[in-house]
Amino acid sequence: MKTNVCFFTTPINENTSNFKGHTDLLFGYIQDAFVKNKLTFDLLKVDLDTDQRQIEQKIHDGLEKADLVITDLSSHDPNSYYELGYAKALKKQVIQIQNKHREPLSFDLGHPSVLYDTTTDEGIKQFQKDIVEAVKSPITSETPLSFYADNDVELSGRIDDQGIVEP
């Protein structure tokens, strides 16, 4: 029986930010929510103890293997944006999360994000509820989940240095 894989992308170098230890807490909240709600996913994330030369390959492997990607964009970390872009290019189901107390994301990234507040027990419970809702019923859920269909983009011609050339 195939087990679903959920890859959690976060800033790798938390030691230089205000997020030291924060992603471990989020990962724990997600694990708890998945276990309590019997969501059958293997949860993966890349840790700092990984050989630095292998981190990029482990990230690529994790994203390629994943059925679902949860990415925390709260720190506005360029690596997190890269991982989000890679996941979307692979047409993975993606749940974007962001701490509601942080600076908002740009318009093209911010509108599909689940905002969370982990400073209160109520905020943590709401975060867990939103994640579970997005995973269980992504199409009908009010919680944003990105989907990419094969025909979202229509090719109308090729582009060269003179502009669009009809096919």
N, C-alpha and C. Protein backbone atom coordinates (compact mmCIF):
# COMPACT_ATOMS: atom_id res chain seq x y z
N MET A 1 0.83 -1.17 0.00
CA MET A 1 0.00 0.00 0.00
C MET A 1 0.89 1.26 0.00
N LYS A 2 0.62 2.17 -0.90
CA LYS A 2 1.39 3.41 -1.01
C LYS A 2 0.99 4.37 0.11
N THR A 3 1.99 4.91 0.77
CA THR A 3 1.75 5.91 1.79
C THR A 3 1.91 7.29 1.17
N ASN A 4 1.00 8.19 1.47
CA ASN A 4 1.12 9.56 0.98
C ASN A 4 2.27 10.26 1.70
N VAL A 5 2.89 11.17 0.99
CA VAL A 5 4.02 11.92 1.54
C VAL A 5 3.67 13.40 1.57
N CYS A 6 3.91 14.03 2.70
CA CYS A 6 3.74 15.48 2.86
C CYS A 6 5.12 16.05 3.19
N PHE A 7 5.60 16.94 2.33
CA PHE A 7 6.90 17.57 2.53
C PHE A 7 6.69 18.97 3.09
N PHE A 8 7.35 19.28 4.19
CA PHE A 8 7.23 20.57 4.86
C PHE A 8 8.48 21.39 4.54
N THR A 9 8.31 22.48 3.80
CA THR A 9 9.45 23.32 3.44
C THR A 9 9.50 24.51 4.39
N THR A 10 10.69 24.79 4.87
CA THR A 10 10.90 25.88 5.81
C THR A 10 12.28 26.48 5.55
N PRO A 11 12.55 27.64 6.14
CA PRO A 11 13.91 28.17 6.01
C PRO A 11 14.90 27.18 6.63
N ILE A 12 15.98 26.92 5.93
CA ILE A 12 16.99 25.98 6.44
C ILE A 12 17.87 26.64 7.50
N ASN A 13 18.30 27.87 7.25
CA ASN A 13 19.24 28.53 8.14
C ASN A 13 18.51 29.39 9.16
N GLU A 14 17.82 28.74 10.07
CA GLU A 14 17.06 29.47 11.08
C GLU A 14 17.95 30.16 12.11
N ASN A 15 19.21 29.76 12.19
CA ASN A 15 20.09 30.33 13.21
C ASN A 15 20.30 31.82 13.01
N THR A 16 20.11 32.32 11.79
CA THR A 16 20.35 33.74 11.54
C THR A 16 19.05 34.54 11.54
N SER A 17 17.95 33.93 11.92
CA SER A 17 16.68 34.64 11.88
C SER A 17 15.98 34.56 13.23
N ASN A 18 14.82 35.19 13.29
CA ASN A 18 14.00 35.13 14.50
C ASN A 18 13.20 33.84 14.57
N PHE A 19 13.42 32.92 13.65
CA PHE A 19 12.62 31.72 13.55
C PHE A 19 13.29 30.50 14.16
N LYS A 20 14.38 30.69 14.89
CA LYS A 20 15.09 29.56 15.47
C LYS A 20 14.12 28.71 16.31
N GLY A 21 13.99 27.46 15.94
CA GLY A 21 13.12 26.54 16.67
C GLY A 21 11.66 26.64 16.28
N HIS A 22 11.26 27.71 15.61
CA HIS A 22 9.85 27.90 15.27
C HIS A 22 9.35 26.82 14.30
N THR A 23 10.16 26.48 13.32
CA THR A 23 9.69 25.49 12.34
C THR A 23 9.53 24.11 12.97
N ASP A 24 10.35 23.80 13.96
CA ASP A 24 10.16 22.52 14.67
C ASP A 24 8.82 22.49 15.38
N LEU A 25 8.43 23.63 15.98
CA LEU A 25 7.12 23.71 16.63
C LEU A 25 5.99 23.53 15.60
N LEU A 26 6.08 24.24 14.47
CA LEU A 26 5.06 24.11 13.43
C LEU A 26 4.97 22.67 12.94
N PHE A 27 6.12 22.06 12.70
CA PHE A 27 6.15 20.68 12.24
C PHE A 27 5.45 19.78 13.26
N GLY A 28 5.70 20.02 14.55
CA GLY A 28 5.03 19.25 15.61
C GLY A 28 3.53 19.46 15.61
N TYR A 29 3.08 20.71 15.40
CA TYR A 29 1.64 20.99 15.33
C TYR A 29 1.01 20.26 14.15
N ILE A 30 1.70 20.24 13.04
CA ILE A 30 1.19 19.54 11.86
C ILE A 30 1.13 18.04 12.12
N GLN A 31 2.21 17.48 12.70
CA GLN A 31 2.21 16.06 13.05
C GLN A 31 1.05 15.71 13.96
N ASP A 32 0.86 16.50 15.01
CA ASP A 32 -0.24 16.25 15.95
C ASP A 32 -1.59 16.27 15.24
N ALA A 33 -1.79 17.27 14.38
CA ALA A 33 -3.06 17.39 13.67
C ALA A 33 -3.29 16.19 12.75
N PHE A 34 -2.25 15.75 12.07
CA PHE A 34 -2.37 14.61 11.17
C PHE A 34 -2.70 13.33 11.95
N VAL A 35 -2.01 13.12 13.08
CA VAL A 35 -2.24 11.92 13.89
C VAL A 35 -3.65 11.93 14.48
N LYS A 36 -4.05 13.04 15.09
CA LYS A 36 -5.37 13.14 15.72
C LYS A 36 -6.51 12.94 14.73
N ASN A 37 -6.28 13.33 13.48
CA ASN A 37 -7.32 13.24 12.47
C ASN A 37 -7.12 12.07 11.51
N LYS A 38 -6.18 11.19 11.87
CA LYS A 38 -5.92 9.95 11.12
C LYS A 38 -5.64 10.22 9.64
N LEU A 39 -4.87 11.28 9.37
CA LEU A 39 -4.43 11.56 8.00
C LEU A 39 -3.15 10.75 7.77
N THR A 40 -3.19 9.90 6.79
CA THR A 40 -2.09 8.95 6.58
C THR A 40 -1.04 9.53 5.64
N PHE A 41 -0.16 10.30 6.21
CA PHE A 41 0.95 10.89 5.48
C PHE A 41 2.25 10.61 6.22
N ASP A 42 3.30 10.33 5.47
CA ASP A 42 4.64 10.41 6.02
C ASP A 42 5.05 11.87 5.92
N LEU A 43 5.36 12.49 7.04
CA LEU A 43 5.76 13.89 7.05
C LEU A 43 7.28 13.99 6.95
N LEU A 44 7.75 14.78 5.99
CA LEU A 44 9.19 14.93 5.77
C LEU A 44 9.58 16.39 5.82
N LYS A 45 10.80 16.66 6.29
CA LYS A 45 11.41 17.97 6.16
C LYS A 45 12.92 17.78 6.23
N VAL A 46 13.64 18.71 5.66
CA VAL A 46 15.10 18.67 5.68
C VAL A 46 15.58 19.43 6.90
N ASP A 47 16.50 18.85 7.64
CA ASP A 47 17.02 19.48 8.85
C ASP A 47 18.42 20.00 8.63
N LEU A 48 18.87 20.85 9.55
CA LEU A 48 20.21 21.40 9.47
C LEU A 48 21.29 20.36 9.65
N ASP A 49 20.99 19.24 10.31
CA ASP A 49 22.01 18.23 10.53
C ASP A 49 22.36 17.47 9.25
N THR A 50 21.64 17.74 8.17
CA THR A 50 21.91 17.12 6.89
C THR A 50 23.23 17.66 6.34
N ASP A 51 23.99 16.80 5.69
CA ASP A 51 25.22 17.21 5.02
C ASP A 51 24.90 18.37 4.07
N GLN A 52 25.57 19.50 4.27
CA GLN A 52 25.28 20.71 3.49
C GLN A 52 25.36 20.49 1.98
N ARG A 53 26.24 19.59 1.54
CA ARG A 53 26.38 19.34 0.10
C ARG A 53 25.19 18.58 -0.44
N GLN A 54 24.41 17.96 0.42
CA GLN A 54 23.29 17.13 -0.03
C GLN A 54 21.93 17.78 0.20
N ILE A 55 21.91 18.95 0.80
CA ILE A 55 20.62 19.57 1.13
C ILE A 55 19.78 19.81 -0.12
N GLU A 56 20.35 20.41 -1.15
CA GLU A 56 19.57 20.70 -2.36
C GLU A 56 18.99 19.43 -2.96
N GLN A 57 19.78 18.36 -3.01
CA GLN A 57 19.28 17.10 -3.57
C GLN A 57 18.18 16.51 -2.69
N LYS A 58 18.32 16.61 -1.38
CA LYS A 58 17.29 16.09 -0.48
C LYS A 58 16.00 16.88 -0.62
N ILE A 59 16.11 18.19 -0.82
CA ILE A 59 14.92 19.01 -1.02
C ILE A 59 14.24 18.61 -2.33
N HIS A 60 15.01 18.51 -3.39
CA HIS A 60 14.43 18.10 -4.68
C HIS A 60 13.78 16.73 -4.58
N ASP A 61 14.47 15.78 -3.96
CA ASP A 61 13.91 14.43 -3.81
C ASP A 61 12.62 14.46 -3.01
N GLY A 62 12.61 15.22 -1.90
CA GLY A 62 11.41 15.31 -1.06
C GLY A 62 10.24 15.92 -1.81
N LEU A 63 10.50 16.99 -2.56
CA LEU A 63 9.43 17.63 -3.32
C LEU A 63 8.92 16.73 -4.44
N GLU A 64 9.80 16.02 -5.10
CA GLU A 64 9.39 15.13 -6.18
C GLU A 64 8.57 13.95 -5.66
N LYS A 65 8.89 13.48 -4.48
CA LYS A 65 8.20 12.35 -3.87
C LYS A 65 6.85 12.74 -3.26
N ALA A 66 6.72 14.01 -2.91
CA ALA A 66 5.56 14.48 -2.13
C ALA A 66 4.26 14.45 -2.92
N ASP A 67 3.19 14.08 -2.21
CA ASP A 67 1.83 14.21 -2.73
C ASP A 67 1.27 15.58 -2.33
N LEU A 68 1.78 16.12 -1.24
CA LEU A 68 1.33 17.39 -0.69
C LEU A 68 2.55 18.12 -0.16
N VAL A 69 2.57 19.44 -0.35
CA VAL A 69 3.66 20.27 0.16
C VAL A 69 3.04 21.36 1.03
N ILE A 70 3.56 21.50 2.25
CA ILE A 70 3.19 22.61 3.11
C ILE A 70 4.43 23.48 3.23
N THR A 71 4.30 24.75 2.89
CA THR A 71 5.47 25.64 2.92
C THR A 71 5.18 26.86 3.77
N ASP A 72 6.11 27.14 4.70
CA ASP A 72 5.98 28.31 5.57
C ASP A 72 6.76 29.47 4.95
N LEU A 73 6.03 30.51 4.58
CA LEU A 73 6.64 31.67 3.93
C LEU A 73 6.80 32.85 4.88
N SER A 74 6.65 32.62 6.18
CA SER A 74 6.66 33.70 7.17
C SER A 74 7.96 34.50 7.19
N SER A 75 9.07 33.86 6.95
CA SER A 75 10.36 34.54 7.09
C SER A 75 10.79 35.26 5.81
N HIS A 76 10.01 35.11 4.74
CA HIS A 76 10.37 35.70 3.44
C HIS A 76 11.75 35.24 3.00
N ASP A 77 12.07 34.00 3.29
CA ASP A 77 13.37 33.42 2.98
C ASP A 77 13.42 33.03 1.50
N PRO A 78 14.46 33.44 0.76
CA PRO A 78 14.55 33.10 -0.66
C PRO A 78 14.52 31.60 -0.93
N ASN A 79 15.10 30.81 -0.04
CA ASN A 79 15.08 29.35 -0.25
C ASN A 79 13.66 28.81 -0.19
N SER A 80 12.84 29.37 0.68
CA SER A 80 11.44 28.93 0.76
C SER A 80 10.69 29.27 -0.52
N TYR A 81 10.98 30.44 -1.09
CA TYR A 81 10.35 30.81 -2.36
C TYR A 81 10.80 29.86 -3.47
N TYR A 82 12.08 29.50 -3.46
CA TYR A 82 12.60 28.56 -4.46
C TYR A 82 11.87 27.22 -4.35
N GLU A 83 11.74 26.72 -3.13
CA GLU A 83 11.09 25.43 -2.92
C GLU A 83 9.62 25.49 -3.32
N LEU A 84 8.95 26.61 -3.02
CA LEU A 84 7.57 26.79 -3.44
C LEU A 84 7.47 26.77 -4.96
N GLY A 85 8.34 27.49 -5.63
CA GLY A 85 8.33 27.52 -7.09
C GLY A 85 8.59 26.14 -7.68
N TYR A 86 9.51 25.41 -7.09
CA TYR A 86 9.83 24.06 -7.58
C TYR A 86 8.61 23.14 -7.40
N ALA A 87 7.97 23.23 -6.25
CA ALA A 87 6.78 22.42 -6.00
C ALA A 87 5.67 22.75 -6.99
N LYS A 88 5.47 24.03 -7.26
CA LYS A 88 4.43 24.43 -8.20
C LYS A 88 4.78 24.01 -9.63
N ALA A 89 6.06 24.07 -9.97
CA ALA A 89 6.48 23.61 -11.30
C ALA A 89 6.22 22.11 -11.46
N LEU A 90 6.32 21.37 -10.36
CA LEU A 90 6.03 19.94 -10.38
C LEU A 90 4.52 19.66 -10.30
N LYS A 91 3.72 20.72 -10.22
CA LYS A 91 2.26 20.65 -10.13
C LYS A 91 1.80 19.86 -8.90
N LYS A 92 2.48 20.12 -7.79
CA LYS A 92 2.12 19.50 -6.51
C LYS A 92 0.99 20.28 -5.86
N GLN A 93 0.24 19.61 -5.03
CA GLN A 93 -0.73 20.31 -4.19
C GLN A 93 0.08 21.02 -3.11
N VAL A 94 -0.16 22.33 -2.96
CA VAL A 94 0.63 23.14 -2.05
C VAL A 94 -0.28 23.90 -1.10
N ILE A 95 0.05 23.83 0.18
CA ILE A 95 -0.60 24.67 1.18
C ILE A 95 0.47 25.66 1.65
N GLN A 96 0.22 26.94 1.40
CA GLN A 96 1.12 27.99 1.86
C GLN A 96 0.63 28.48 3.21
N ILE A 97 1.56 28.60 4.16
CA ILE A 97 1.21 29.13 5.47
C ILE A 97 2.08 30.34 5.78
N GLN A 98 1.54 31.24 6.61
CA GLN A 98 2.31 32.41 7.02
C GLN A 98 1.83 32.88 8.37
N ASN A 99 2.78 33.25 9.22
CA ASN A 99 2.47 33.82 10.51
C ASN A 99 1.78 35.16 10.30
N LYS A 100 0.61 35.34 10.89
CA LYS A 100 -0.18 36.55 10.64
C LYS A 100 0.43 37.79 11.27
N HIS A 101 1.42 37.63 12.14
CA HIS A 101 2.07 38.77 12.77
C HIS A 101 3.28 39.26 11.98
N ARG A 102 3.58 38.62 10.89
CA ARG A 102 4.73 39.00 10.07
C ARG A 102 4.29 39.89 8.92
N GLU A 103 5.25 40.49 8.25
CA GLU A 103 4.98 41.34 7.09
C GLU A 103 4.25 40.53 6.02
N PRO A 104 3.19 41.08 5.45
CA PRO A 104 2.43 40.34 4.43
C PRO A 104 3.28 39.99 3.21
N LEU A 105 2.87 38.93 2.56
CA LEU A 105 3.53 38.51 1.33
C LEU A 105 3.08 39.40 0.18
N SER A 106 3.84 39.36 -0.90
CA SER A 106 3.43 40.11 -2.09
C SER A 106 2.11 39.54 -2.61
N PHE A 107 1.41 40.34 -3.40
CA PHE A 107 0.08 39.97 -3.87
C PHE A 107 0.06 38.60 -4.56
N ASP A 108 1.02 38.33 -5.42
CA ASP A 108 0.99 37.08 -6.17
C ASP A 108 1.28 35.85 -5.31
N LEU A 109 1.80 36.05 -4.12
CA LEU A 109 2.02 34.93 -3.20
C LEU A 109 1.06 34.93 -2.03
N GLY A 110 0.63 36.10 -1.59
CA GLY A 110 -0.12 36.24 -0.35
C GLY A 110 -1.55 35.78 -0.36
N HIS A 111 -2.22 35.88 -1.49
CA HIS A 111 -3.66 35.58 -1.46
C HIS A 111 -4.00 34.12 -1.19
N PRO A 112 -3.14 33.14 -1.53
CA PRO A 112 -3.54 31.77 -1.22
C PRO A 112 -2.94 31.22 0.08
N SER A 113 -2.61 32.06 1.03
CA SER A 113 -1.93 31.59 2.24
C SER A 113 -2.87 31.41 3.42
N VAL A 114 -2.61 30.36 4.20
CA VAL A 114 -3.29 30.14 5.48
C VAL A 114 -2.51 30.95 6.50
N LEU A 115 -3.17 31.92 7.13
CA LEU A 115 -2.52 32.71 8.16
C LEU A 115 -2.65 31.98 9.49
N TYR A 116 -1.60 32.05 10.29
CA TYR A 116 -1.67 31.37 11.58
C TYR A 116 -1.08 32.24 12.67
N ASP A 117 -1.46 31.91 13.90
CA ASP A 117 -0.96 32.59 15.09
C ASP A 117 -0.65 31.50 16.10
N THR A 118 0.64 31.30 16.38
CA THR A 118 1.01 30.25 17.34
C THR A 118 1.35 30.82 18.71
N THR A 119 0.90 32.05 18.97
CA THR A 119 1.18 32.66 20.27
C THR A 119 0.12 32.31 21.31
N THR A 120 -0.98 31.72 20.87
CA THR A 120 -2.04 31.32 21.81
C THR A 120 -2.47 29.89 21.52
N ASP A 121 -3.06 29.26 22.52
CA ASP A 121 -3.59 27.90 22.32
C ASP A 121 -4.70 27.91 21.27
N GLU A 122 -5.52 28.96 21.29
CA GLU A 122 -6.61 29.06 20.31
C GLU A 122 -6.04 29.18 18.90
N GLY A 123 -4.97 29.97 18.75
CA GLY A 123 -4.34 30.14 17.45
C GLY A 123 -3.76 28.84 16.92
N ILE A 124 -3.16 28.06 17.80
CA ILE A 124 -2.59 26.76 17.41
C ILE A 124 -3.71 25.81 16.99
N LYS A 125 -4.78 25.78 17.76
CA LYS A 125 -5.92 24.90 17.41
C LYS A 125 -6.53 25.30 16.08
N GLN A 126 -6.64 26.60 15.82
CA GLN A 126 -7.19 27.07 14.55
C GLN A 126 -6.27 26.69 13.39
N PHE A 127 -4.97 26.84 13.60
CA PHE A 127 -3.98 26.45 12.58
C PHE A 127 -4.13 24.97 12.24
N GLN A 128 -4.20 24.13 13.27
CA GLN A 128 -4.34 22.70 13.04
C GLN A 128 -5.65 22.39 12.32
N LYS A 129 -6.71 23.05 12.71
CA LYS A 129 -8.01 22.84 12.06
C LYS A 129 -7.95 23.24 10.58
N ASP A 130 -7.34 24.38 10.28
CA ASP A 130 -7.23 24.84 8.90
C ASP A 130 -6.40 23.90 8.04
N ILE A 131 -5.30 23.39 8.60
CA ILE A 131 -4.46 22.45 7.85
C ILE A 131 -5.23 21.18 7.55
N VAL A 132 -5.90 20.63 8.54
CA VAL A 132 -6.68 19.40 8.35
C VAL A 132 -7.79 19.62 7.33
N GLU A 133 -8.49 20.74 7.43
CA GLU A 133 -9.57 21.04 6.49
C GLU A 133 -9.03 21.12 5.06
N ALA A 134 -7.89 21.76 4.89
CA ALA A 134 -7.31 21.89 3.55
C ALA A 134 -6.90 20.54 2.99
N VAL A 135 -6.39 19.66 3.84
CA VAL A 135 -5.96 18.34 3.38
C VAL A 135 -7.15 17.43 3.08
N LYS A 136 -8.15 17.46 3.96
CA LYS A 136 -9.30 16.56 3.81
C LYS A 136 -10.23 16.93 2.66
N SER A 137 -10.49 18.20 2.48
CA SER A 137 -11.45 18.59 1.44
C SER A 137 -10.94 19.83 0.70
N PRO A 138 -9.86 19.66 -0.05
CA PRO A 138 -9.23 20.83 -0.66
C PRO A 138 -10.09 21.55 -1.69
N ILE A 139 -10.96 20.87 -2.37
CA ILE A 139 -11.73 21.50 -3.43
C ILE A 139 -12.87 22.35 -2.85
N THR A 140 -13.48 21.87 -1.77
CA THR A 140 -14.61 22.60 -1.19
C THR A 140 -14.20 23.47 -0.01
N SER A 141 -12.96 23.36 0.40
CA SER A 141 -12.50 24.06 1.59
C SER A 141 -12.36 25.56 1.36
N GLU A 142 -12.68 26.32 2.40
CA GLU A 142 -12.42 27.76 2.38
C GLU A 142 -10.93 28.02 2.56
N THR A 143 -10.22 27.04 3.12
CA THR A 143 -8.79 27.18 3.31
C THR A 143 -8.09 27.05 1.97
N PRO A 144 -7.20 27.98 1.64
CA PRO A 144 -6.61 27.97 0.31
C PRO A 144 -5.65 26.81 0.09
N LEU A 145 -5.77 26.20 -1.04
CA LEU A 145 -4.87 25.15 -1.48
C LEU A 145 -4.65 25.36 -2.96
N SER A 146 -3.41 25.38 -3.37
CA SER A 146 -3.10 25.65 -4.77
C SER A 146 -3.21 24.37 -5.58
N PHE A 147 -3.90 24.45 -6.69
CA PHE A 147 -3.97 23.35 -7.64
C PHE A 147 -3.53 23.85 -9.00
N TYR A 148 -2.88 23.02 -9.76
CA TYR A 148 -2.45 23.39 -11.10
C TYR A 148 -2.90 22.31 -12.06
N ALA A 149 -3.80 22.67 -12.96
CA ALA A 149 -4.29 21.74 -13.97
C ALA A 149 -3.36 21.80 -15.17
N ASP A 150 -3.35 20.71 -15.94
CA ASP A 150 -2.47 20.65 -17.10
C ASP A 150 -2.75 21.73 -18.12
N ASN A 151 -4.00 22.19 -18.23
CA ASN A 151 -4.31 23.19 -19.24
C ASN A 151 -4.63 24.55 -18.64
N ASP A 152 -3.93 24.92 -17.58
CA ASP A 152 -4.10 26.26 -17.02
C ASP A 152 -3.51 27.33 -17.93
N VAL A 153 -2.50 26.96 -18.70
CA VAL A 153 -1.83 27.92 -19.58
C VAL A 153 -2.09 27.50 -21.01
N GLU A 154 -2.52 28.47 -21.81
CA GLU A 154 -2.78 28.19 -23.21
C GLU A 154 -1.65 28.79 -24.04
N LEU A 155 -1.03 27.96 -24.87
CA LEU A 155 0.05 28.41 -25.72
C LEU A 155 -0.53 29.02 -26.98
N SER A 156 -0.23 30.29 -27.24
CA SER A 156 -0.81 30.94 -28.41
C SER A 156 0.24 31.24 -29.47
N GLY A 157 1.47 31.00 -29.19
CA GLY A 157 2.52 31.25 -30.17
C GLY A 157 3.86 31.25 -29.48
N ARG A 158 4.92 31.32 -30.25
CA ARG A 158 6.24 31.37 -29.64
C ARG A 158 6.71 32.81 -29.60
N ILE A 159 7.63 33.09 -28.72
CA ILE A 159 8.13 34.45 -28.57
C ILE A 159 9.58 34.48 -29.05
N ASP A 160 9.90 35.46 -29.87
CA ASP A 160 11.30 35.67 -30.24
C ASP A 160 11.63 37.13 -29.95
N ASP A 161 12.77 37.58 -30.40
CA ASP A 161 13.18 38.95 -30.05
C ASP A 161 12.31 40.02 -30.73
N GLN A 162 11.44 39.63 -31.64
CA GLN A 162 10.55 40.57 -32.30
C GLN A 162 9.15 40.55 -31.70
N GLY A 163 8.92 39.69 -30.72
CA GLY A 163 7.59 39.58 -30.11
C GLY A 163 6.99 38.22 -30.38
N ILE A 164 5.66 38.12 -30.29
CA ILE A 164 4.98 36.84 -30.48
C ILE A 164 4.89 36.53 -31.96
N VAL A 165 5.29 35.33 -32.32
CA VAL A 165 5.20 34.85 -33.70
C VAL A 165 4.14 33.76 -33.72
N GLU A 166 3.18 33.88 -34.59
CA GLU A 166 2.10 32.89 -34.65
C GLU A 166 2.66 31.52 -34.98
N PRO A 167 2.06 30.46 -34.43
CA PRO A 167 2.56 29.10 -34.68
C PRO A 167 2.34 28.67 -36.13
